[in-house]
Amino acid sequence: MLRGEVWLAVWPNDPEQKERPLLIISNNLRNQASNLQDIIVAKITSLQRGNGSSKPTNPQEDVSILLRKASIIRCASIYTIEKKTLTRKLTQLNISEMAQVDQCLKTVLDLNYI
């Protein structure tokens, strides 16, 4: 598993316990270390609600991507999960998408001072 990959897993604290997409945002040293059990991820959710309306987005914190359908990476919804909970790799974000994620993470974590 590598930074920028989208995997399926159950979101932390998800009452439905349904597998959903997550973006790996931790560095590859952590991601590939056999002695470290956790990785850092951001939630990905569909842009459309069940009733067809669009979910609100914040361009300072959210990145729009296309998976099976229009989706949003919620860079403010960051979690540490166990690697073993990831079940299947869906895709890898491209360089442009990851640059957007990195900028949103800087905003969310207030790292824009550099």
PDB file of N, CA and C in Angstrom:
ATOM      1  N   MET A   1       0.841  -1.175   0.000  1.00  0.00           N
ATOM      2  CA  MET A   1       0.000   0.000   0.000  1.00  0.00           C
ATOM      3  C   MET A   1       0.887   1.239   0.000  1.00  0.00           C
ATOM      4  N   LEU A   2       0.476   2.218  -0.810  1.00  0.00           N
ATOM      5  CA  LEU A   2       1.275   3.419  -1.004  1.00  0.00           C
ATOM      6  C   LEU A   2       0.452   4.683  -0.803  1.00  0.00           C
ATOM      7  N   ARG A   3       1.141   5.762  -0.494  1.00  0.00           N
ATOM      8  CA  ARG A   3       0.489   7.066  -0.370  1.00  0.00           C
ATOM      9  C   ARG A   3      -0.175   7.405  -1.706  1.00  0.00           C
ATOM     10  N   GLY A   4      -1.408   7.878  -1.628  1.00  0.00           N
ATOM     11  CA  GLY A   4      -2.146   8.241  -2.830  1.00  0.00           C
ATOM     12  C   GLY A   4      -3.046   7.143  -3.364  1.00  0.00           C
ATOM     13  N   GLU A   5      -2.962   5.954  -2.774  1.00  0.00           N
ATOM     14  CA  GLU A   5      -3.855   4.881  -3.206  1.00  0.00           C
ATOM     15  C   GLU A   5      -5.198   4.990  -2.497  1.00  0.00           C
ATOM     16  N   VAL A   6      -6.238   4.572  -3.207  1.00  0.00           N
ATOM     17  CA  VAL A   6      -7.586   4.525  -2.647  1.00  0.00           C
ATOM     18  C   VAL A   6      -7.926   3.061  -2.401  1.00  0.00           C
ATOM     19  N   TRP A   7      -8.293   2.766  -1.148  1.00  0.00           N
ATOM     20  CA  TRP A   7      -8.620   1.406  -0.731  1.00  0.00           C
ATOM     21  C   TRP A   7     -10.011   1.372  -0.121  1.00  0.00           C
ATOM     22  N   LEU A   8     -10.594   0.191  -0.102  1.00  0.00           N
ATOM     23  CA  LEU A   8     -11.850  -0.022   0.612  1.00  0.00           C
ATOM     24  C   LEU A   8     -11.569  -0.487   2.029  1.00  0.00           C
ATOM     25  N   ALA A   9     -12.348   0.038   2.953  1.00  0.00           N
ATOM     26  CA  ALA A   9     -12.296  -0.379   4.360  1.00  0.00           C
ATOM     27  C   ALA A   9     -13.533   0.180   5.042  1.00  0.00           C
ATOM     28  N   VAL A  10     -13.788  -0.294   6.244  1.00  0.00           N
ATOM     29  CA  VAL A  10     -14.882   0.269   7.041  1.00  0.00           C
ATOM     30  C   VAL A  10     -14.353   1.535   7.704  1.00  0.00           C
ATOM     31  N   TRP A  11     -15.061   2.642   7.504  1.00  0.00           N
ATOM     32  CA  TRP A  11     -14.671   3.901   8.133  1.00  0.00           C
ATOM     33  C   TRP A  11     -14.685   3.745   9.645  1.00  0.00           C
ATOM     34  N   PRO A  12     -13.762   4.392  10.331  1.00  0.00           N
ATOM     35  CA  PRO A  12     -13.817   4.396  11.796  1.00  0.00           C
ATOM     36  C   PRO A  12     -15.150   4.986  12.280  1.00  0.00           C
ATOM     37  N   ASN A  13     -15.730   4.361  13.262  1.00  0.00           N
ATOM     38  CA  ASN A  13     -16.985   4.803  13.880  1.00  0.00           C
ATOM     39  C   ASN A  13     -18.184   4.795  12.927  1.00  0.00           C
ATOM     40  N   ASP A  14     -18.133   4.016  11.860  1.00  0.00           N
ATOM     41  CA  ASP A  14     -19.262   3.950  10.929  1.00  0.00           C
ATOM     42  C   ASP A  14     -20.334   3.032  11.505  1.00  0.00           C
ATOM     43  N   PRO A  15     -21.510   3.575  11.827  1.00  0.00           N
ATOM     44  CA  PRO A  15     -22.550   2.725  12.424  1.00  0.00           C
ATOM     45  C   PRO A  15     -23.040   1.634  11.474  1.00  0.00           C
ATOM     46  N   GLU A  16     -22.935   1.864  10.168  1.00  0.00           N
ATOM     47  CA  GLU A  16     -23.386   0.853   9.200  1.00  0.00           C
ATOM     48  C   GLU A  16     -22.344  -0.244   8.980  1.00  0.00           C
ATOM     49  N   GLN A  17     -21.081   0.002   9.375  1.00  0.00           N
ATOM     50  CA  GLN A  17     -19.993  -0.950   9.178  1.00  0.00           C
ATOM     51  C   GLN A  17     -19.894  -1.391   7.714  1.00  0.00           C
ATOM     52  N   LYS A  18     -20.099  -0.430   6.824  1.00  0.00           N
ATOM     53  CA  LYS A  18     -20.069  -0.684   5.381  1.00  0.00           C
ATOM     54  C   LYS A  18     -18.691  -0.311   4.834  1.00  0.00           C
ATOM     55  N   GLU A  19     -18.160  -1.125   3.929  1.00  0.00           N
ATOM     56  CA  GLU A  19     -16.885  -0.782   3.302  1.00  0.00           C
ATOM     57  C   GLU A  19     -17.057   0.440   2.412  1.00  0.00           C
ATOM     58  N   ARG A  20     -16.130   1.383   2.563  1.00  0.00           N
ATOM     59  CA  ARG A  20     -16.166   2.623   1.799  1.00  0.00           C
ATOM     60  C   ARG A  20     -14.730   2.980   1.411  1.00  0.00           C
ATOM     61  N   PRO A  21     -14.573   3.880   0.444  1.00  0.00           N
ATOM     62  CA  PRO A  21     -13.214   4.243   0.024  1.00  0.00           C
ATOM     63  C   PRO A  21     -12.508   5.169   1.011  1.00  0.00           C
ATOM     64  N   LEU A  22     -11.205   4.941   1.135  1.00  0.00           N
ATOM     65  CA  LEU A  22     -10.327   5.765   1.962  1.00  0.00           C
ATOM     66  C   LEU A  22      -9.059   6.042   1.165  1.00  0.00           C
ATOM     67  N   LEU A  23      -8.513   7.234   1.321  1.00  0.00           N
ATOM     68  CA  LEU A  23      -7.262   7.606   0.671  1.00  0.00           C
ATOM     69  C   LEU A  23      -6.119   7.476   1.664  1.00  0.00           C
ATOM     70  N   ILE A  24      -5.068   6.771   1.291  1.00  0.00           N
ATOM     71  CA  ILE A  24      -3.887   6.666   2.145  1.00  0.00           C
ATOM     72  C   ILE A  24      -3.105   7.968   2.031  1.00  0.00           C
ATOM     73  N   ILE A  25      -2.890   8.640   3.186  1.00  0.00           N
ATOM     74  CA  ILE A  25      -2.148   9.899   3.178  1.00  0.00           C
ATOM     75  C   ILE A  25      -0.853   9.832   3.986  1.00  0.00           C
ATOM     76  N   SER A  26      -0.632   8.746   4.711  1.00  0.00           N
ATOM     77  CA  SER A  26       0.630   8.617   5.450  1.00  0.00           C
ATOM     78  C   SER A  26       1.765   8.343   4.466  1.00  0.00           C
ATOM     79  N   ASN A  27       2.998   8.562   4.937  1.00  0.00           N
ATOM     80  CA  ASN A  27       4.154   8.387   4.046  1.00  0.00           C
ATOM     81  C   ASN A  27       4.439   6.905   3.798  1.00  0.00           C
ATOM     82  N   ASN A  28       5.158   6.645   2.718  1.00  0.00           N
ATOM     83  CA  ASN A  28       5.396   5.260   2.312  1.00  0.00           C
ATOM     84  C   ASN A  28       6.299   4.498   3.265  1.00  0.00           C
ATOM     85  N   LEU A  29       7.149   5.200   3.999  1.00  0.00           N
ATOM     86  CA  LEU A  29       7.963   4.518   5.004  1.00  0.00           C
ATOM     87  C   LEU A  29       7.052   3.839   6.023  1.00  0.00           C
ATOM     88  N   ARG A  30       6.050   4.566   6.510  1.00  0.00           N
ATOM     89  CA  ARG A  30       5.072   4.009   7.448  1.00  0.00           C
ATOM     90  C   ARG A  30       4.218   2.950   6.757  1.00  0.00           C
ATOM     91  N   ASN A  31       3.753   3.258   5.561  1.00  0.00           N
ATOM     92  CA  ASN A  31       2.828   2.361   4.863  1.00  0.00           C
ATOM     93  C   ASN A  31       3.426   0.983   4.600  1.00  0.00           C
ATOM     94  N   GLN A  32       4.733   0.932   4.355  1.00  0.00           N
ATOM     95  CA  GLN A  32       5.356  -0.328   3.979  1.00  0.00           C
ATOM     96  C   GLN A  32       6.153  -0.982   5.108  1.00  0.00           C
ATOM     97  N   ALA A  33       6.211  -0.338   6.260  1.00  0.00           N
ATOM     98  CA  ALA A  33       6.946  -0.907   7.386  1.00  0.00           C
ATOM     99  C   ALA A  33       6.164  -2.071   7.996  1.00  0.00           C
ATOM    100  N   SER A  34       6.803  -3.215   8.069  1.00  0.00           N
ATOM    101  CA  SER A  34       6.116  -4.397   8.603  1.00  0.00           C
ATOM    102  C   SER A  34       5.919  -4.317  10.115  1.00  0.00           C
ATOM    103  N   ASN A  35       6.723  -3.505  10.800  1.00  0.00           N
ATOM    104  CA  ASN A  35       6.589  -3.404  12.260  1.00  0.00           C
ATOM    105  C   ASN A  35       5.584  -2.337  12.691  1.00  0.00           C
ATOM    106  N   LEU A  36       5.057  -1.576  11.755  1.00  0.00           N
ATOM    107  CA  LEU A  36       4.043  -0.563  12.069  1.00  0.00           C
ATOM    108  C   LEU A  36       2.691  -1.048  11.558  1.00  0.00           C
ATOM    109  N   GLN A  37       1.714  -1.074  12.439  1.00  0.00           N
ATOM    110  CA  GLN A  37       0.415  -1.654  12.093  1.00  0.00           C
ATOM    111  C   GLN A  37      -0.610  -0.639  11.585  1.00  0.00           C
ATOM    112  N   ASP A  38      -0.359   0.652  11.830  1.00  0.00           N
ATOM    113  CA  ASP A  38      -1.337   1.692  11.498  1.00  0.00           C
ATOM    114  C   ASP A  38      -0.903   2.517  10.296  1.00  0.00           C
ATOM    115  N   ILE A  39      -1.908   3.030   9.584  1.00  0.00           N
ATOM    116  CA  ILE A  39      -1.674   4.008   8.525  1.00  0.00           C
ATOM    117  C   ILE A  39      -2.653   5.160   8.726  1.00  0.00           C
ATOM    118  N   ILE A  40      -2.388   6.263   8.050  1.00  0.00           N
ATOM    119  CA  ILE A  40      -3.243   7.440   8.157  1.00  0.00           C
ATOM    120  C   ILE A  40      -4.020   7.581   6.857  1.00  0.00           C
ATOM    121  N   VAL A  41      -5.328   7.791   6.990  1.00  0.00           N
ATOM    122  CA  VAL A  41      -6.209   7.852   5.829  1.00  0.00           C
ATOM    123  C   VAL A  41      -7.157   9.051   5.933  1.00  0.00           C
ATOM    124  N   ALA A  42      -7.715   9.409   4.782  1.00  0.00           N
ATOM    125  CA  ALA A  42      -8.764  10.426   4.721  1.00  0.00           C
ATOM    126  C   ALA A  42     -10.003   9.786   4.099  1.00  0.00           C
ATOM    127  N   LYS A  43     -11.161  10.186   4.588  1.00  0.00           N
ATOM    128  CA  LYS A  43     -12.422   9.649   4.073  1.00  0.00           C
ATOM    129  C   LYS A  43     -12.687  10.144   2.655  1.00  0.00           C
ATOM    130  N   ILE A  44     -13.330   9.281   1.882  1.00  0.00           N
ATOM    131  CA  ILE A  44     -13.844   9.649   0.567  1.00  0.00           C
ATOM    132  C   ILE A  44     -15.325   9.329   0.568  1.00  0.00           C
ATOM    133  N   THR A  45     -16.124  10.261   0.102  1.00  0.00           N
ATOM    134  CA  THR A  45     -17.566  10.064   0.071  1.00  0.00           C
ATOM    135  C   THR A  45     -18.111  10.513  -1.279  1.00  0.00           C
ATOM    136  N   SER A  46     -19.273  10.008  -1.652  1.00  0.00           N
ATOM    137  CA  SER A  46     -19.876  10.421  -2.923  1.00  0.00           C
ATOM    138  C   SER A  46     -20.369  11.863  -2.810  1.00  0.00           C
ATOM    139  N   LEU A  47     -20.384  12.547  -3.933  1.00  0.00           N
ATOM    140  CA  LEU A  47     -20.833  13.933  -3.966  1.00  0.00           C
ATOM    141  C   LEU A  47     -22.351  14.028  -3.813  1.00  0.00           C
ATOM    142  N   GLN A  48     -23.065  13.030  -4.317  1.00  0.00           N
ATOM    143  CA  GLN A  48     -24.517  13.044  -4.293  1.00  0.00           C
ATOM    144  C   GLN A  48     -25.070  12.296  -3.087  1.00  0.00           C
ATOM    145  N   ARG A  49     -26.076  12.885  -2.475  1.00  0.00           N
ATOM    146  CA  ARG A  49     -26.815  12.193  -1.410  1.00  0.00           C
ATOM    147  C   ARG A  49     -27.780  11.205  -2.046  1.00  0.00           C
ATOM    148  N   GLY A  50     -28.348  10.370  -1.221  1.00  0.00           N
ATOM    149  CA  GLY A  50     -29.324   9.388  -1.694  1.00  0.00           C
ATOM    150  C   GLY A  50     -30.525  10.017  -2.385  1.00  0.00           C
ATOM    151  N   ASN A  51     -30.891  11.242  -1.981  1.00  0.00           N
ATOM    152  CA  ASN A  51     -32.047  11.909  -2.587  1.00  0.00           C
ATOM    153  C   ASN A  51     -31.687  12.692  -3.846  1.00  0.00           C
ATOM    154  N   GLY A  52     -30.412  12.614  -4.273  1.00  0.00           N
ATOM    155  CA  GLY A  52     -29.999  13.287  -5.500  1.00  0.00           C
ATOM    156  C   GLY A  52     -29.400  14.669  -5.307  1.00  0.00           C
ATOM    157  N   SER A  53     -29.527  15.227  -4.115  1.00  0.00           N
ATOM    158  CA  SER A  53     -28.948  16.549  -3.873  1.00  0.00           C
ATOM    159  C   SER A  53     -27.438  16.412  -3.644  1.00  0.00           C
ATOM    160  N   SER A  54     -26.731  17.503  -3.887  1.00  0.00           N
ATOM    161  CA  SER A  54     -25.282  17.489  -3.702  1.00  0.00           C
ATOM    162  C   SER A  54     -24.918  17.789  -2.256  1.00  0.00           C
ATOM    163  N   LYS A  55     -23.896  17.113  -1.772  1.00  0.00           N
ATOM    164  CA  LYS A  55     -23.388  17.390  -0.427  1.00  0.00           C
ATOM    165  C   LYS A  55     -22.597  18.694  -0.472  1.00  0.00           C
ATOM    166  N   PRO A  56     -22.622  19.454   0.609  1.00  0.00           N
ATOM    167  CA  PRO A  56     -21.820  20.682   0.631  1.00  0.00           C
ATOM    168  C   PRO A  56     -20.335  20.350   0.617  1.00  0.00           C
ATOM    169  N   THR A  57     -19.569  21.179  -0.068  1.00  0.00           N
ATOM    170  CA  THR A  57     -18.120  20.993  -0.108  1.00  0.00           C
ATOM    171  C   THR A  57     -17.436  22.288   0.285  1.00  0.00           C
ATOM    172  N   ASN A  58     -16.224  22.151   0.754  1.00  0.00           N
ATOM    173  CA  ASN A  58     -15.388  23.284   1.106  1.00  0.00           C
ATOM    174  C   ASN A  58     -14.119  23.164   0.272  1.00  0.00           C
ATOM    175  N   PRO A  59     -13.931  24.018  -0.739  1.00  0.00           N
ATOM    176  CA  PRO A  59     -12.764  23.878  -1.617  1.00  0.00           C
ATOM    177  C   PRO A  59     -11.427  24.027  -0.898  1.00  0.00           C
ATOM    178  N   GLN A  60     -11.437  24.576   0.305  1.00  0.00           N
ATOM    179  CA  GLN A  60     -10.208  24.687   1.089  1.00  0.00           C
ATOM    180  C   GLN A  60      -9.840  23.370   1.765  1.00  0.00           C
ATOM    181  N   GLU A  61     -10.833  22.476   1.909  1.00  0.00           N
ATOM    182  CA  GLU A  61     -10.612  21.225   2.646  1.00  0.00           C
ATOM    183  C   GLU A  61     -10.983  19.961   1.880  1.00  0.00           C
ATOM    184  N   ASP A  62     -11.681  20.096   0.768  1.00  0.00           N
ATOM    185  CA  ASP A  62     -12.181  18.941   0.026  1.00  0.00           C
ATOM    186  C   ASP A  62     -11.612  18.919  -1.388  1.00  0.00           C
ATOM    187  N   VAL A  63     -11.353  17.708  -1.888  1.00  0.00           N
ATOM    188  CA  VAL A  63     -10.870  17.528  -3.253  1.00  0.00           C
ATOM    189  C   VAL A  63     -11.869  16.653  -3.993  1.00  0.00           C
ATOM    190  N   SER A  64     -12.323  17.127  -5.133  1.00  0.00           N
ATOM    191  CA  SER A  64     -13.267  16.363  -5.956  1.00  0.00           C
ATOM    192  C   SER A  64     -12.506  15.427  -6.880  1.00  0.00           C
ATOM    193  N   ILE A  65     -12.956  14.175  -6.921  1.00  0.00           N
ATOM    194  CA  ILE A  65     -12.374  13.172  -7.810  1.00  0.00           C
ATOM    195  C   ILE A  65     -13.500  12.346  -8.412  1.00  0.00           C
ATOM    196  N   LEU A  66     -13.154  11.557  -9.409  1.00  0.00           N
ATOM    197  CA  LEU A  66     -14.139  10.658 -10.005  1.00  0.00           C
ATOM    198  C   LEU A  66     -13.701   9.227  -9.743  1.00  0.00           C
ATOM    199  N   LEU A  67     -14.497   8.520  -8.960  1.00  0.00           N
ATOM    200  CA  LEU A  67     -14.298   7.081  -8.784  1.00  0.00           C
ATOM    201  C   LEU A  67     -15.347   6.419  -9.665  1.00  0.00           C
ATOM    202  N   ARG A  68     -16.206   5.592  -9.123  1.00  0.00           N
ATOM    203  CA  ARG A  68     -17.339   5.083  -9.908  1.00  0.00           C
ATOM    204  C   ARG A  68     -18.302   6.218 -10.206  1.00  0.00           C
ATOM    205  N   LYS A  69     -18.340   7.169  -9.270  1.00  0.00           N
ATOM    206  CA  LYS A  69     -19.173   8.359  -9.426  1.00  0.00           C
ATOM    207  C   LYS A  69     -18.417   9.538  -8.820  1.00  0.00           C
ATOM    208  N   ALA A  70     -18.951  10.727  -9.016  1.00  0.00           N
ATOM    209  CA  ALA A  70     -18.310  11.924  -8.471  1.00  0.00           C
ATOM    210  C   ALA A  70     -18.175  11.781  -6.963  1.00  0.00           C
ATOM    211  N   SER A  71     -16.968  12.020  -6.458  1.00  0.00           N
ATOM    212  CA  SER A  71     -16.665  11.801  -5.040  1.00  0.00           C
ATOM    213  C   SER A  71     -15.860  12.961  -4.483  1.00  0.00           C
ATOM    214  N   ILE A  72     -15.781  13.008  -3.155  1.00  0.00           N
ATOM    215  CA  ILE A  72     -15.059  14.066  -2.457  1.00  0.00           C
ATOM    216  C   ILE A  72     -14.096  13.415  -1.468  1.00  0.00           C
ATOM    217  N   ILE A  73     -12.839  13.847  -1.509  1.00  0.00           N
ATOM    218  CA  ILE A  73     -11.891  13.465  -0.470  1.00  0.00           C
ATOM    219  C   ILE A  73     -12.034  14.501   0.626  1.00  0.00           C
ATOM    220  N   ARG A  74     -12.422  14.081   1.810  1.00  0.00           N
ATOM    221  CA  ARG A  74     -12.612  14.968   2.954  1.00  0.00           C
ATOM    222  C   ARG A  74     -11.294  15.042   3.733  1.00  0.00           C
ATOM    223  N   CYS A  75     -10.453  16.001   3.367  1.00  0.00           N
ATOM    224  CA  CYS A  75      -9.124  16.103   3.981  1.00  0.00           C
ATOM    225  C   CYS A  75      -9.178  16.485   5.457  1.00  0.00           C
ATOM    226  N   ALA A  76     -10.308  16.945   5.936  1.00  0.00           N
ATOM    227  CA  ALA A  76     -10.462  17.236   7.360  1.00  0.00           C
ATOM    228  C   ALA A  76     -10.937  16.013   8.139  1.00  0.00           C
ATOM    229  N   SER A  77     -11.255  14.944   7.442  1.00  0.00           N
ATOM    230  CA  SER A  77     -11.674  13.694   8.092  1.00  0.00           C
ATOM    231  C   SER A  77     -10.528  12.703   8.010  1.00  0.00           C
ATOM    232  N   ILE A  78      -9.575  12.879   8.905  1.00  0.00           N
ATOM    233  CA  ILE A  78      -8.347  12.090   8.924  1.00  0.00           C
ATOM    234  C   ILE A  78      -8.424  11.090  10.081  1.00  0.00           C
ATOM    235  N   TYR A  79      -8.028   9.846   9.774  1.00  0.00           N
ATOM    236  CA  TYR A  79      -8.076   8.791  10.774  1.00  0.00           C
ATOM    237  C   TYR A  79      -6.829   7.924  10.694  1.00  0.00           C
ATOM    238  N   THR A  80      -6.496   7.306  11.789  1.00  0.00           N
ATOM    239  CA  THR A  80      -5.479   6.264  11.820  1.00  0.00           C
ATOM    240  C   THR A  80      -6.218   4.943  11.936  1.00  0.00           C
ATOM    241  N   ILE A  81      -5.906   4.027  11.018  1.00  0.00           N
ATOM    242  CA  ILE A  81      -6.554   2.716  11.036  1.00  0.00           C
ATOM    243  C   ILE A  81      -5.485   1.633  10.918  1.00  0.00           C
ATOM    244  N   GLU A  82      -5.854   0.422  11.252  1.00  0.00           N
ATOM    245  CA  GLU A  82      -4.938  -0.698  11.105  1.00  0.00           C
ATOM    246  C   GLU A  82      -4.875  -1.108   9.636  1.00  0.00           C
ATOM    247  N   LYS A  83      -3.667  -1.373   9.185  1.00  0.00           N
ATOM    248  CA  LYS A  83      -3.464  -1.771   7.787  1.00  0.00           C
ATOM    249  C   LYS A  83      -4.325  -2.973   7.413  1.00  0.00           C
ATOM    250  N   LYS A  84      -4.464  -3.898   8.354  1.00  0.00           N
ATOM    251  CA  LYS A  84      -5.192  -5.138   8.045  1.00  0.00           C
ATOM    252  C   LYS A  84      -6.668  -4.900   7.746  1.00  0.00           C
ATOM    253  N   THR A  85      -7.199  -3.706   8.058  1.00  0.00           N
ATOM    254  CA  THR A  85      -8.610  -3.437   7.775  1.00  0.00           C
ATOM    255  C   THR A  85      -8.857  -3.052   6.319  1.00  0.00           C
ATOM    256  N   LEU A  86      -7.786  -2.731   5.578  1.00  0.00           N
ATOM    257  CA  LEU A  86      -7.940  -2.417   4.155  1.00  0.00           C
ATOM    258  C   LEU A  86      -8.195  -3.714   3.394  1.00  0.00           C
ATOM    259  N   THR A  87      -9.232  -3.719   2.570  1.00  0.00           N
ATOM    260  CA  THR A  87      -9.604  -4.970   1.919  1.00  0.00           C
ATOM    261  C   THR A  87      -9.247  -5.048   0.437  1.00  0.00           C
ATOM    262  N   ARG A  88      -9.333  -3.904  -0.280  1.00  0.00           N
ATOM    263  CA  ARG A  88      -9.078  -3.972  -1.719  1.00  0.00           C
ATOM    264  C   ARG A  88      -8.680  -2.605  -2.243  1.00  0.00           C
ATOM    265  N   LYS A  89      -7.628  -2.586  -3.056  1.00  0.00           N
ATOM    266  CA  LYS A  89      -7.188  -1.339  -3.691  1.00  0.00           C
ATOM    267  C   LYS A  89      -8.109  -1.033  -4.863  1.00  0.00           C
ATOM    268  N   LEU A  90      -8.585   0.221  -4.921  1.00  0.00           N
ATOM    269  CA  LEU A  90      -9.451   0.647  -6.011  1.00  0.00           C
ATOM    270  C   LEU A  90      -8.691   1.365  -7.120  1.00  0.00           C
ATOM    271  N   THR A  91      -7.824   2.294  -6.733  1.00  0.00           N
ATOM    272  CA  THR A  91      -7.120   3.100  -7.728  1.00  0.00           C
ATOM    273  C   THR A  91      -5.972   3.846  -7.064  1.00  0.00           C
ATOM    274  N   GLN A  92      -5.258   4.601  -7.852  1.00  0.00           N
ATOM    275  CA  GLN A  92      -4.170   5.468  -7.395  1.00  0.00           C
ATOM    276  C   GLN A  92      -4.477   6.868  -7.926  1.00  0.00           C
ATOM    277  N   LEU A  93      -4.428   7.875  -7.064  1.00  0.00           N
ATOM    278  CA  LEU A  93      -4.639   9.244  -7.531  1.00  0.00           C
ATOM    279  C   LEU A  93      -3.466   9.680  -8.396  1.00  0.00           C
ATOM    280  N   ASN A  94      -3.741  10.600  -9.335  1.00  0.00           N
ATOM    281  CA  ASN A  94      -2.656  11.117 -10.161  1.00  0.00           C
ATOM    282  C   ASN A  94      -1.935  12.250  -9.423  1.00  0.00           C
ATOM    283  N   ILE A  95      -0.856  12.721  -9.996  1.00  0.00           N
ATOM    284  CA  ILE A  95      -0.012  13.738  -9.352  1.00  0.00           C
ATOM    285  C   ILE A  95      -0.798  15.016  -9.075  1.00  0.00           C
ATOM    286  N   SER A  96      -1.619  15.431 -10.003  1.00  0.00           N
ATOM    287  CA  SER A  96      -2.414  16.654  -9.826  1.00  0.00           C
ATOM    288  C   SER A  96      -3.409  16.529  -8.676  1.00  0.00           C
ATOM    289  N   GLU A  97      -4.075  15.395  -8.607  1.00  0.00           N
ATOM    290  CA  GLU A  97      -5.028  15.167  -7.519  1.00  0.00           C
ATOM    291  C   GLU A  97      -4.315  15.147  -6.172  1.00  0.00           C
ATOM    292  N   MET A  98      -3.150  14.495  -6.106  1.00  0.00           N
ATOM    293  CA  MET A  98      -2.406  14.445  -4.840  1.00  0.00           C
ATOM    294  C   MET A  98      -1.884  15.826  -4.449  1.00  0.00           C
ATOM    295  N   ALA A  99      -1.542  16.658  -5.425  1.00  0.00           N
ATOM    296  CA  ALA A  99      -1.112  18.025  -5.119  1.00  0.00           C
ATOM    297  C   ALA A  99      -2.261  18.802  -4.479  1.00  0.00           C
ATOM    298  N   GLN A 100      -3.475  18.579  -4.966  1.00  0.00           N
ATOM    299  CA  GLN A 100      -4.650  19.218  -4.365  1.00  0.00           C
ATOM    300  C   GLN A 100      -4.883  18.705  -2.944  1.00  0.00           C
ATOM    301  N   VAL A 101      -4.739  17.401  -2.758  1.00  0.00           N
ATOM    302  CA  VAL A 101      -4.889  16.818  -1.423  1.00  0.00           C
ATOM    303  C   VAL A 101      -3.849  17.409  -0.483  1.00  0.00           C
ATOM    304  N   ASP A 102      -2.598  17.486  -0.938  1.00  0.00           N
ATOM    305  CA  ASP A 102      -1.534  18.032  -0.098  1.00  0.00           C
ATOM    306  C   ASP A 102      -1.839  19.466   0.312  1.00  0.00           C
ATOM    307  N   GLN A 103      -2.345  20.273  -0.626  1.00  0.00           N
ATOM    308  CA  GLN A 103      -2.675  21.666  -0.295  1.00  0.00           C
ATOM    309  C   GLN A 103      -3.807  21.727   0.725  1.00  0.00           C
ATOM    310  N   CYS A 104      -4.813  20.896   0.554  1.00  0.00           N
ATOM    311  CA  CYS A 104      -5.923  20.874   1.515  1.00  0.00           C
ATOM    312  C   CYS A 104      -5.452  20.399   2.889  1.00  0.00           C
ATOM    313  N   LEU A 105      -4.569  19.401   2.927  1.00  0.00           N
ATOM    314  CA  LEU A 105      -4.038  18.936   4.207  1.00  0.00           C
ATOM    315  C   LEU A 105      -3.246  20.041   4.892  1.00  0.00           C
ATOM    316  N   LYS A 106      -2.486  20.810   4.131  1.00  0.00           N
ATOM    317  CA  LYS A 106      -1.754  21.947   4.701  1.00  0.00           C
ATOM    318  C   LYS A 106      -2.732  22.947   5.315  1.00  0.00           C
ATOM    319  N   THR A 107      -3.828  23.198   4.644  1.00  0.00           N
ATOM    320  CA  THR A 107      -4.828  24.141   5.177  1.00  0.00           C
ATOM    321  C   THR A 107      -5.467  23.581   6.435  1.00  0.00           C
ATOM    322  N   VAL A 108      -5.908  22.327   6.369  1.00  0.00           N
ATOM    323  CA  VAL A 108      -6.583  21.706   7.513  1.00  0.00           C
ATOM    324  C   VAL A 108      -5.677  21.665   8.728  1.00  0.00           C
ATOM    325  N   LEU A 109      -4.400  21.378   8.510  1.00  0.00           N
ATOM    326  CA  LEU A 109      -3.449  21.229   9.610  1.00  0.00           C
ATOM    327  C   LEU A 109      -2.682  22.518   9.900  1.00  0.00           C
ATOM    328  N   ASP A 110      -3.051  23.595   9.222  1.00  0.00           N
ATOM    329  CA  ASP A 110      -2.430  24.913   9.403  1.00  0.00           C
ATOM    330  C   ASP A 110      -0.914  24.860   9.185  1.00  0.00           C
ATOM    331  N   LEU A 111      -0.515  24.270   8.063  1.00  0.00           N
ATOM    332  CA  LEU A 111       0.890  24.140   7.726  1.00  0.00           C
ATOM    333  C   LEU A 111       1.293  25.068   6.571  1.00  0.00           C
ATOM    334  N   ASN A 112       0.503  26.089   6.295  1.00  0.00           N
ATOM    335  CA  ASN A 112       0.761  26.981   5.167  1.00  0.00           C
ATOM    336  C   ASN A 112       1.750  28.089   5.481  1.00  0.00           C
ATOM    337  N   TYR A 113       2.378  28.029   6.612  1.00  0.00           N
ATOM    338  CA  TYR A 113       3.314  29.086   6.994  1.00  0.00           C
ATOM    339  C   TYR A 113       4.648  28.978   6.265  1.00  0.00           C
ATOM    340  N   ILE A 114       4.901  27.861   5.617  1.00  0.00           N
ATOM    341  CA  ILE A 114       6.180  27.651   4.927  1.00  0.00           C
ATOM    342  C   ILE A 114       6.101  28.181   3.514  1.00  0.00           C
TER     343      ILE A 114
END
